[in-house]
Protein backbone atom coordinates (compact mmCIF):
# COMPACT_ATOMS: atom_id res chain seq x y z
CA MET A 1 1.38 34.23 -3.86
CA ARG A 2 3.08 34.33 -7.37
CA LYS A 3 6.46 33.46 -6.25
CA ILE A 4 4.82 30.23 -4.96
CA LEU A 5 2.63 29.59 -7.94
CA ALA A 6 5.37 29.88 -10.76
CA GLU A 7 6.53 27.43 -8.33
CA ILE A 8 3.93 25.04 -8.52
CA ARG A 9 3.48 25.86 -12.04
CA ASN A 10 7.41 25.20 -13.33
CA GLY A 11 8.05 21.84 -10.89
CA SER A 12 10.55 22.65 -8.14
CA PHE A 13 8.20 23.08 -5.73
CA ALA A 14 7.24 19.56 -6.07
CA ARG A 15 11.25 18.16 -6.22
CA PRO A 16 12.09 18.52 -2.25
CA GLY A 17 8.80 15.87 -2.05
CA SER A 18 10.23 13.51 -4.94
CA LYS A 19 13.62 13.21 -3.73
CA LYS A 20 12.33 12.01 -0.30
CA MET A 21 10.19 9.66 -2.23
CA LYS A 22 12.99 8.14 -4.22
CA ARG A 23 15.04 7.69 -0.71
CA ALA A 24 11.93 5.79 0.76
CA ALA A 25 11.91 3.53 -2.37
CA PRO A 26 13.03 0.94 -0.86
CA THR A 27 9.91 -0.19 0.70
CA SER A 28 8.19 -1.15 -2.64
CA SER A 29 11.21 -4.05 -3.68
CA PRO A 30 10.55 -7.30 -3.71
CA ARG A 31 11.65 -8.45 -0.41
CA ALA A 32 10.28 -5.38 1.65
CA LYS A 33 6.23 -6.42 0.13
CA ARG A 34 6.90 -10.38 1.00
CA GLU A 35 7.64 -8.41 4.79
CA GLN A 36 4.74 -6.32 5.07
CA SER A 37 2.31 -9.34 3.13
CA GLN A 38 3.45 -11.49 6.32
CA HIS A 39 2.69 -8.61 8.89
CA PRO A 40 0.39 -9.64 11.78
CA ILE A 41 -2.60 -7.71 10.01
CA GLU A 42 -2.26 -8.25 7.08
CA GLN A 43 -3.12 -12.25 8.32
CA LEU A 44 -5.80 -11.43 10.08
CA GLY A 45 -7.68 -9.16 6.97
CA PRO A 46 -9.07 -11.60 5.46
CA LYS A 47 -10.59 -13.73 8.74
CA LEU A 48 -12.53 -10.55 9.68
CA ARG A 49 -13.35 -10.12 5.97
CA ALA A 50 -15.09 -13.67 5.18
CA MET A 51 -16.71 -13.00 9.13
CA MET A 52 -18.38 -9.73 6.88
CA PRO A 53 -20.93 -11.24 4.47
CA PHE A 54 -21.91 -7.72 4.33
CA LEU A 55 -18.92 -7.38 1.51
CA GLN A 56 -18.05 -8.26 -1.79
CA PRO A 57 -15.32 -10.75 -1.39
CA VAL A 58 -11.91 -8.61 -1.80
CA ILE A 59 -8.97 -10.47 -1.55
CA ALA A 60 -5.31 -8.83 -1.25
CA PRO A 61 -2.95 -9.37 -4.15
CA GLY A 62 -1.01 -12.14 -2.83
CA LEU A 63 -3.57 -13.06 -0.16
CA GLU A 64 -5.88 -15.65 -2.30
CA ASN A 65 -3.92 -18.98 -1.02
CA LYS A 66 -4.34 -17.10 2.58
CA ALA A 67 -8.40 -16.53 2.08
CA ALA A 68 -8.58 -19.44 0.54
CA ALA A 69 -7.61 -21.53 4.04
CA SER A 70 -9.43 -19.51 5.90
CA LYS A 71 -12.67 -20.24 4.01
CA LYS A 72 -11.84 -24.26 5.60
């Protein structure tokens, strides 16, 4: 237990996870973000939220034009 606590305190406990996160970083590239924004669920979200008047209007970044088009 003390060994694990010491690893948490000195940061070595988190290092393997940090390396995995760095390898997964390509999902945050502009190309990956563009592809993710074109996923069908991302297209459906603004339309569904527009049908729920009890929600505060929330528009995801990059989808402003699509939200405006769904209101027409």
